C-alpha atoms as a PDB file:
ATOM      1  CA  MET A   1      78.668  49.688 190.103  1.00  0.00           C
ATOM      2  CA  ASN A   2      78.912  53.213 188.681  1.00  0.00           C
ATOM      3  CA  ASN A   3      82.220  53.784 190.426  1.00  0.00           C
ATOM      4  CA  LEU A   4      83.600  50.601 188.889  1.00  0.00           C
ATOM      5  CA  LEU A   5      82.432  51.675 185.435  1.00  0.00           C
ATOM      6  CA  ILE A   6      84.001  55.110 185.788  1.00  0.00           C
ATOM      7  CA  ALA A   7      87.277  53.528 186.922  1.00  0.00           C
ATOM      8  CA  ALA A   8      87.310  51.182 183.909  1.00  0.00           C
ATOM      9  CA  VAL A   9      86.721  54.046 181.455  1.00  0.00           C
ATOM     10  CA  ALA A  10      89.442  56.091 183.076  1.00  0.00           C
ATOM     11  CA  ALA A  11      91.901  53.225 182.720  1.00  0.00           C
ATOM     12  CA  LEU A  12      91.128  52.814 179.011  1.00  0.00           C
ATOM     13  CA  SER A  13      91.571  56.498 178.298  1.00  0.00           C
ATOM     14  CA  SER A  14      94.955  56.769 180.006  1.00  0.00           C
ATOM     15  CA  ASN A  15      98.224  56.959 177.979  1.00  0.00           C
ATOM     16  CA  THR A  16      99.414  53.537 179.072  1.00  0.00           C
ATOM     17  CA  MET A  17      96.988  50.638 179.040  1.00  0.00           C
ATOM     18  CA  THR A  18      97.458  48.134 181.824  1.00  0.00           C
ATOM     19  CA  ALA A  19      96.161  44.631 182.230  1.00  0.00           C
ATOM     20  CA  MET A  20      96.399  41.969 184.846  1.00  0.00           C
ATOM     21  CA  ALA A  21      98.005  38.634 184.081  1.00  0.00           C
ATOM     22  CA  PHE A  22      98.821  35.668 186.265  1.00  0.00           C
ATOM     23  CA  THR A  23     101.910  33.521 186.327  1.00  0.00           C
ATOM     24  CA  PRO A  24     102.715  30.593 188.625  1.00  0.00           C
ATOM     25  CA  ALA A  25     104.740  31.504 191.685  1.00  0.00           C
ATOM     26  CA  TYR A  26     107.033  28.529 191.019  1.00  0.00           C
ATOM     27  CA  ARG A  27     108.001  26.852 187.806  1.00  0.00           C
ATOM     28  CA  PHE A  28     106.642  23.452 188.806  1.00  0.00           C
ATOM     29  CA  GLY A  29     104.176  22.026 191.316  1.00  0.00           C
ATOM     30  CA  ASN A  30     102.758  25.128 193.042  1.00  0.00           C
ATOM     31  CA  PRO A  31      99.312  26.151 191.759  1.00  0.00           C
ATOM     32  CA  GLN A  32      99.484  29.540 193.549  1.00  0.00           C
ATOM     33  CA  SER A  33      99.586  32.585 191.276  1.00  0.00           C
ATOM     34  CA  ARG A  34     100.549  36.195 191.645  1.00  0.00           C
ATOM     35  CA  PRO A  35      99.440  39.218 189.594  1.00  0.00           C
ATOM     36  CA  PHE A  36     101.820  41.456 187.667  1.00  0.00           C
ATOM     37  CA  PRO A  37     101.161  44.504 185.444  1.00  0.00           C
ATOM     38  CA  LEU A  38     101.534  44.163 181.656  1.00  0.00           C
ATOM     39  CA  THR A  39     101.796  47.359 179.581  1.00  0.00           C
ATOM     40  CA  THR A  40     101.360  47.857 175.831  1.00  0.00           C
ATOM     41  CA  THR A  41     105.065  48.683 175.535  1.00  0.00           C
ATOM     42  CA  GLN A  42     105.907  45.082 176.423  1.00  0.00           C
ATOM     43  CA  GLN A  43     105.721  42.256 173.890  1.00  0.00           C
ATOM     44  CA  ILE A  44     104.380  38.854 174.726  1.00  0.00           C
ATOM     45  CA  PRO A  45     106.908  36.221 173.518  1.00  0.00           C
ATOM     46  CA  THR A  46     105.540  33.889 170.890  1.00  0.00           C
ATOM     47  CA  PRO A  47     105.179  30.428 172.416  1.00  0.00           C
ATOM     48  CA  LYS A  48     107.328  27.752 170.813  1.00  0.00           C
ATOM     49  CA  PRO A  49     105.611  24.682 169.451  1.00  0.00           C
ATOM     50  CA  LEU A  50     105.810  21.710 171.731  1.00  0.00           C
ATOM     51  CA  PHE A  51     106.650  19.333 168.875  1.00  0.00           C
ATOM     52  CA  LEU A  52     108.988  20.137 165.969  1.00  0.00           C
ATOM     53  CA  ALA A  53     109.096  18.246 162.694  1.00  0.00           C
ATOM     54  CA  GLN A  54     112.164  16.062 163.121  1.00  0.00           C
ATOM     55  CA  GLU A  55     112.021  14.294 159.750  1.00  0.00           C
ATOM     56  CA  LYS A  56     111.428  15.777 156.324  1.00  0.00           C
ATOM     57  CA  PHE A  57     112.286  14.747 152.765  1.00  0.00           C
ATOM     58  CA  GLU A  58     112.241  17.127 149.796  1.00  0.00           C
ATOM     59  CA  LYS A  59     112.984  15.981 146.236  1.00  0.00           C
ATOM     60  CA  MET A  60     114.297  18.598 143.829  1.00  0.00           C
ATOM     61  CA  ALA A  61     112.739  19.137 140.413  1.00  0.00           C
ATOM     62  CA  GLU A  62     114.365  17.253 137.554  1.00  0.00           C
ATOM     63  CA  ASP A  63     115.265  20.487 135.756  1.00  0.00           C
ATOM     64  CA  ASP A  64     116.948  21.958 138.856  1.00  0.00           C
ATOM     65  CA  ASP A  65     120.648  22.375 138.037  1.00  0.00           C
ATOM     66  CA  GLN A  66     121.951  23.598 141.392  1.00  0.00           C
ATOM     67  CA  VAL A  67     125.555  22.462 141.875  1.00  0.00           C
ATOM     68  CA  ILE A  68     127.192  21.987 145.280  1.00  0.00           C
ATOM     69  CA  ALA A  69     130.747  20.885 146.009  1.00  0.00           C
ATOM     70  CA  PHE A  70     130.825  17.905 148.375  1.00  0.00           C
ATOM     71  CA  MET A  71     134.070  18.082 150.369  1.00  0.00           C
ATOM     72  CA  ASP A  72     135.853  15.241 152.085  1.00  0.00           C
ATOM     73  CA  VAL A  73     136.166  15.485 155.856  1.00  0.00           C
ATOM     74  CA  ASN A  74     139.679  16.946 155.619  1.00  0.00           C
ATOM     75  CA  GLY A  75     138.603  19.547 153.052  1.00  0.00           C
ATOM     76  CA  ASP A  76     141.395  18.465 150.690  1.00  0.00           C
ATOM     77  CA  LYS A  77     139.261  17.133 147.829  1.00  0.00           C
ATOM     78  CA  SER A  78     135.804  17.809 146.490  1.00  0.00           C
ATOM     79  CA  ILE A  79     133.340  16.427 143.974  1.00  0.00           C
ATOM     80  CA  ASP A  80     130.766  18.615 142.220  1.00  0.00           C
ATOM     81  CA  CYS A  81     127.221  17.272 142.477  1.00  0.00           C
ATOM     82  CA  TYR A  82     123.756  18.223 141.323  1.00  0.00           C
ATOM     83  CA  VAL A  83     121.390  18.447 144.288  1.00  0.00           C
ATOM     84  CA  ASP A  84     118.982  15.514 144.174  1.00  0.00           C
ATOM     85  CA  SER A  85     117.123  16.037 147.444  1.00  0.00           C
ATOM     86  CA  TYR A  86     117.221  17.339 151.001  1.00  0.00           C
ATOM     87  CA  ALA A  87     116.427  15.309 154.096  1.00  0.00           C
ATOM     88  CA  THR A  88     116.079  16.331 157.736  1.00  0.00           C
ATOM     89  CA  VAL A  89     116.661  13.696 160.395  1.00  0.00           C
ATOM     90  CA  ASP A  90     116.679  14.466 164.136  1.00  0.00           C
ATOM     91  CA  GLY A  91     116.858  18.174 163.335  1.00  0.00           C
ATOM     92  CA  VAL A  92     119.927  17.835 161.074  1.00  0.00           C
ATOM     93  CA  GLU A  93     119.609  18.664 157.365  1.00  0.00           C
ATOM     94  CA  TYR A  94     121.385  16.408 154.876  1.00  0.00           C
ATOM     95  CA  THR A  95     121.948  17.134 151.202  1.00  0.00           C
ATOM     96  CA  ILE A  96     121.850  14.268 148.711  1.00  0.00           C
ATOM     97  CA  GLY A  97     123.643  14.825 145.423  1.00  0.00           C
ATOM     98  CA  SER A  98     124.625  13.019 142.243  1.00  0.00           C
ATOM     99  CA  PRO A  99     128.013  13.645 140.562  1.00  0.00           C
ATOM    100  CA  CYS A 100     127.968  16.158 137.717  1.00  0.00           C
ATOM    101  CA  ASP A 101     130.497  14.034 135.837  1.00  0.00           C
ATOM    102  CA  TYR A 102     130.627  10.335 134.984  1.00  0.00           C
ATOM    103  CA  ALA A 103     131.105   8.115 138.038  1.00  0.00           C
ATOM    104  CA  VAL A 104     133.750   5.507 137.214  1.00  0.00           C
ATOM    105  CA  ALA A 105     135.810   2.836 138.962  1.00  0.00           C
ATOM    106  CA  LEU A 106     139.013   0.877 138.436  1.00  0.00           C
ATOM    107  CA  CYS A 107     138.450  -2.888 138.580  1.00  0.00           C
ATOM    108  CA  TYR A 108     140.007  -6.235 137.804  1.00  0.00           C
ATOM    109  CA  PHE A 109     138.699  -9.732 137.240  1.00  0.00           C
ATOM    110  CA  GLU A 110     139.213 -12.365 139.884  1.00  0.00           C
ATOM    111  CA  GLY A 111     138.276 -16.022 139.952  1.00  0.00           C
ATOM    112  CA  ASP A 112     135.320 -16.953 137.791  1.00  0.00           C
ATOM    113  CA  ASP A 113     135.046 -13.672 135.905  1.00  0.00           C
ATOM    114  CA  GLN A 114     134.182 -11.758 139.046  1.00  0.00           C
ATOM    115  CA  LEU A 115     134.784  -8.039 138.606  1.00  0.00           C
ATOM    116  CA  VAL A 116     136.335  -6.540 141.756  1.00  0.00           C
ATOM    117  CA  PRO A 117     136.494  -2.738 142.257  1.00  0.00           C
ATOM    118  CA  ILE A 118     139.626  -1.196 143.757  1.00  0.00           C
ATOM    119  CA  GLU A 119     138.727   0.808 146.869  1.00  0.00           C
ATOM    120  CA  LEU A 120     139.763   4.457 146.833  1.00  0.00           C
ATOM    121  CA  ASP A 121     141.890   4.065 149.983  1.00  0.00           C
ATOM    122  CA  ASP A 122     143.513   0.830 148.807  1.00  0.00           C
ATOM    123  CA  PRO A 123     147.291   1.191 148.326  1.00  0.00           C
ATOM    124  CA  LEU A 124     146.766  -0.495 144.951  1.00  0.00           C
ATOM    125  CA  MET A 125     144.849   2.596 143.849  1.00  0.00           C
ATOM    126  CA  ASP A 126     147.989   4.680 144.409  1.00  0.00           C
ATOM    127  CA  ASP A 127     149.801   2.510 141.868  1.00  0.00           C
ATOM    128  CA  ILE A 128     147.056   2.000 139.280  1.00  0.00           C
ATOM    129  CA  PHE A 129     145.335   5.383 139.175  1.00  0.00           C
ATOM    130  CA  PRO A 130     148.306   7.323 137.695  1.00  0.00           C
ATOM    131  CA  ILE A 131     148.586   4.715 134.932  1.00  0.00           C
ATOM    132  CA  ALA A 132     144.882   4.957 134.078  1.00  0.00           C
ATOM    133  CA  GLU A 133     145.070   8.747 134.271  1.00  0.00           C
ATOM    134  CA  GLY A 134     147.945   8.768 131.789  1.00  0.00           C
ATOM    135  CA  ILE A 135     146.170   6.412 129.383  1.00  0.00           C
ATOM    136  CA  ILE A 136     143.061   8.613 129.364  1.00  0.00           C
ATOM    137  CA  GLU A 137     145.211  11.664 128.679  1.00  0.00           C
ATOM    138  CA  ASP A 138     147.082   9.927 125.847  1.00  0.00           C
ATOM    139  CA  GLU A 139     143.930   8.503 124.239  1.00  0.00           C
ATOM    140  CA  PHE A 140     141.579  11.472 124.602  1.00  0.00           C
ATOM    141  CA  GLY A 141     143.774  14.507 125.221  1.00  0.00           C
ATOM    142  CA  GLU A 142     141.726  17.318 126.767  1.00  0.00           C
ATOM    143  CA  GLU A 143     138.387  15.728 125.852  1.00  0.00           C
ATOM    144  CA  LEU A 144     138.365  13.492 128.921  1.00  0.00           C
ATOM    145  CA  VAL A 145     140.066  13.875 132.296  1.00  0.00           C
ATOM    146  CA  LEU A 146     140.152  11.224 135.038  1.00  0.00           C
ATOM    147  CA  LEU A 147     139.907  12.652 138.559  1.00  0.00           C
ATOM    148  CA  ARG A 148     140.501  11.009 141.925  1.00  0.00           C
ATOM    149  CA  THR A 149     137.510  12.597 143.600  1.00  0.00           C
ATOM    150  CA  PRO A 150     136.201  11.520 147.029  1.00  0.00           C
ATOM    151  CA  GLN A 151     133.891   8.494 147.314  1.00  0.00           C
ATOM    152  CA  THR A 152     134.022   7.762 143.566  1.00  0.00           C
ATOM    153  CA  LEU A 153     136.392   8.419 140.692  1.00  0.00           C
ATOM    154  CA  THR A 154     134.965  10.740 138.064  1.00  0.00           C
ATOM    155  CA  LEU A 155     135.559  11.205 134.357  1.00  0.00           C
ATOM    156  CA  VAL A 156     135.156  14.789 133.192  1.00  0.00           C
ATOM    157  CA  GLY A 157     134.120  15.379 129.583  1.00  0.00           C
ATOM    158  CA  GLU A 158     131.695  13.900 127.077  1.00  0.00           C
ATOM    159  CA  LEU A 159     131.646  10.226 126.179  1.00  0.00           C
ATOM    160  CA  GLU A 160     130.532   9.345 122.675  1.00  0.00           C
ATOM    161  CA  GLU A 161     127.286   7.470 123.197  1.00  0.00           C
ATOM    162  CA  SER A 162     127.579   5.813 119.791  1.00  0.00           C
ATOM    163  CA  ASP A 163     130.770   4.073 120.873  1.00  0.00           C
ATOM    164  CA  ALA A 164     129.104   2.957 124.080  1.00  0.00           C
ATOM    165  CA  ASP A 165     126.176   1.510 122.148  1.00  0.00           C
ATOM    166  CA  GLU A 166     128.487  -0.479 119.871  1.00  0.00           C
ATOM    167  CA  ASP A 167     130.161  -2.127 122.854  1.00  0.00           C
ATOM    168  CA  GLU A 168     126.986  -2.598 124.883  1.00  0.00           C
ATOM    169  CA  ASP A 169     126.602  -6.328 124.258  1.00  0.00           C
ATOM    170  CA  SER A 170     130.171  -7.285 125.075  1.00  0.00           C
ATOM    171  CA  ASP A 171     131.289  -4.749 127.665  1.00  0.00           C
ATOM    172  CA  ASP A 172     128.351  -4.494 130.065  1.00  0.00           C
ATOM    173  CA  TYR A 173     128.414  -6.524 133.264  1.00  0.00           C
ATOM    174  CA  ASP A 174     125.497  -6.995 135.599  1.00  0.00           C
ATOM    175  CA  ASP A 175     125.306  -7.401 139.339  1.00  0.00           C
ATOM    176  CA  GLU A 176     126.533 -10.996 139.258  1.00  0.00           C
ATOM    177  CA  ASP A 177     129.914  -9.780 138.018  1.00  0.00           C
ATOM    178  CA  MET A 178     130.533  -7.194 140.758  1.00  0.00           C
ATOM    179  CA  GLU A 179     131.633  -8.372 144.199  1.00  0.00           C
ATOM    180  CA  ASP A 180     129.134  -7.430 146.939  1.00  0.00           C
ATOM    181  CA  SER A 181     127.418  -5.033 144.543  1.00  0.00           C
ATOM    182  CA  GLU A 182     124.343  -4.718 142.376  1.00  0.00           C
ATOM    183  CA  GLU A 183     125.775  -2.196 139.952  1.00  0.00           C
ATOM    184  CA  GLU A 184     125.914  -2.526 136.209  1.00  0.00           C
ATOM    185  CA  VAL A 185     129.044  -1.202 134.543  1.00  0.00           C
ATOM    186  CA  GLU A 186     130.416  -0.417 131.117  1.00  0.00           C
ATOM    187  CA  ILE A 187     134.097  -1.046 130.390  1.00  0.00           C
ATOM    188  CA  LEU A 188     135.723   2.053 128.910  1.00  0.00           C
ATOM    189  CA  VAL A 189     139.466   1.291 128.940  1.00  0.00           C
ATOM    190  CA  SER A 190     141.512  -1.842 129.634  1.00  0.00           C
ATOM    191  CA  PHE A 191     145.235  -2.084 130.315  1.00  0.00           C
ATOM    192  CA  GLU A 192     147.762  -4.476 131.840  1.00  0.00           C
ATOM    193  CA  GLU A 193     150.184  -3.802 134.682  1.00  0.00           C
ATOM    194  CA  ASN A 194     152.519  -6.358 136.319  1.00  0.00           C
ATOM    195  CA  GLY A 195     150.718  -9.260 134.665  1.00  0.00           C
ATOM    196  CA  GLN A 196     147.252  -8.137 135.850  1.00  0.00           C
ATOM    197  CA  GLU A 197     144.605  -6.683 133.561  1.00  0.00           C
ATOM    198  CA  TYR A 198     142.724  -3.664 134.877  1.00  0.00           C
ATOM    199  CA  HIS A 199     139.601  -1.949 133.583  1.00  0.00           C
ATOM    200  CA  LEU A 200     138.236   1.549 133.913  1.00  0.00           C
ATOM    201  CA  VAL A 201     134.463   1.123 134.038  1.00  0.00           C
ATOM    202  CA  ARG A 202     131.556   3.536 134.019  1.00  0.00           C
ATOM    203  CA  LEU A 203     128.944   2.973 136.727  1.00  0.00           C
ATOM    204  CA  LEU A 204     125.577   2.824 134.964  1.00  0.00           C
ATOM    205  CA  ASP A 205     123.430   2.867 138.095  1.00  0.00           C
ATOM    206  CA  PRO A 206     122.890   6.257 139.780  1.00  0.00           C
ATOM    207  CA  VAL A 207     125.495   7.232 142.381  1.00  0.00           C
ATOM    208  CA  LEU A 208     124.251   9.348 145.294  1.00  0.00           C
ATOM    209  CA  LEU A 209     126.424  11.109 147.871  1.00  0.00           C
ATOM    210  CA  VAL A 210     125.320  12.535 151.217  1.00  0.00           C
ATOM    211  CA  GLY A 211     126.720  15.604 152.946  1.00  0.00           C
ATOM    212  CA  LYS A 212     125.810  18.074 155.683  1.00  0.00           C
ATOM    213  CA  ASP A 213     126.862  21.424 157.163  1.00  0.00           C
ATOM    214  CA  GLY A 214     129.201  23.448 154.933  1.00  0.00           C
ATOM    215  CA  ASN A 215     128.029  26.771 153.478  1.00  0.00           C
ATOM    216  CA  GLU A 216     125.709  27.828 150.654  1.00  0.00           C
ATOM    217  CA  ASN A 217     127.814  26.133 147.964  1.00  0.00           C
ATOM    218  CA  THR A 218     129.533  23.304 149.847  1.00  0.00           C
ATOM    219  CA  ARG A 219     128.688  20.265 151.954  1.00  0.00           C
ATOM    220  CA  VAL A 220     130.909  17.979 154.016  1.00  0.00           C
ATOM    221  CA  LEU A 221     130.699  14.284 153.185  1.00  0.00           C
ATOM    222  CA  LEU A 222     129.759  11.953 156.010  1.00  0.00           C
ATOM    223  CA  THR A 223     132.325   9.970 157.931  1.00  0.00           C
ATOM    224  CA  PRO A 224     131.991   6.163 157.776  1.00  0.00           C
ATOM    225  CA  GLU A 225     130.508   6.184 161.270  1.00  0.00           C
ATOM    226  CA  GLU A 226     127.960   8.868 160.358  1.00  0.00           C
ATOM    227  CA  SER A 227     127.098   7.017 157.170  1.00  0.00           C
ATOM    228  CA  ASP A 228     126.445   3.766 159.024  1.00  0.00           C
ATOM    229  CA  SER A 229     124.120   5.604 161.389  1.00  0.00           C
ATOM    230  CA  ILE A 230     122.133   7.795 159.012  1.00  0.00           C
ATOM    231  CA  MET A 231     122.018   5.931 155.686  1.00  0.00           C
ATOM    232  CA  PRO A 232     119.351   3.376 156.749  1.00  0.00           C
ATOM    233  CA  LYS A 233     117.083   6.262 157.796  1.00  0.00           C
ATOM    234  CA  LEU A 234     117.659   8.152 154.541  1.00  0.00           C
ATOM    235  CA  GLU A 235     117.009   5.045 152.484  1.00  0.00           C
ATOM    236  CA  GLU A 236     113.742   4.479 154.358  1.00  0.00           C
ATOM    237  CA  MET A 237     112.689   8.085 153.782  1.00  0.00           C
ATOM    238  CA  PHE A 238     113.520   7.806 150.088  1.00  0.00           C
ATOM    239  CA  MET A 239     111.552   4.582 149.731  1.00  0.00           C
ATOM    240  CA  ASN A 240     108.554   6.140 151.510  1.00  0.00           C
ATOM    241  CA  TYR A 241     108.734   9.098 149.134  1.00  0.00           C
ATOM    242  CA  GLN A 242     108.838   6.765 146.135  1.00  0.00           C
ATOM    243  CA  GLU A 243     105.825   4.797 147.405  1.00  0.00           C
ATOM    244  CA  GLU A 244     103.838   7.978 148.053  1.00  0.00           C
ATOM    245  CA  ARG A 245     104.697   9.355 144.608  1.00  0.00           C
ATOM    246  CA  ASP A 246     103.796   6.111 142.844  1.00  0.00           C
ATOM    247  CA  GLY A 247     100.530   5.942 144.762  1.00  0.00           C
ATOM    248  CA  MET A 248      99.435   9.402 143.623  1.00  0.00           C
END
């Protein structure tokens, strides 16, 4: 017993402390172990958690004015957005933003006063957008500028709210007027081209865009395939957040 005690004290007082650890002889299946020396100059790796948080939703404060440019997939066009929230799904972080400028659309009436928006990739947009752009420039000069930004047209500048209030009763259309949509809109400018009347409308409901990757100041907008896959999950996360916040 005394010899064992002396040996233990001698080991502790030496320059290099040693210890005995055991590791399985094989990665799987074999319970046999073998000893190996472990010195203080070696660091034990920190074990990784077995389960990582795969889903997370973080809403930004209302007074947060961080701006990120959301780029289209080709990197040719961008739209500046305030960051609304961040969401992590399956280990991938997505940024959700709302346009810094007014979200607008070009539309026309069809059938029984049904307001139909022109899709951004519709060849008709190539013909009508330059006309609307010119009308905005002629009417408002440098005060307002119409841009063909990705995912939604935007109107840069300041609209006079008093004018919008005066036209509120006659120029607002609810979800029954928009095809396959629940958006309310406000007609800003109307013009006629080739016998068809077109309207530039402001989208009154919030418009949210989703991007990922990019760098500190940019995000890449989702492809249609990515959007179809991830949007239901993001909507569910947002609804859960709303329910938790309302229940507090």
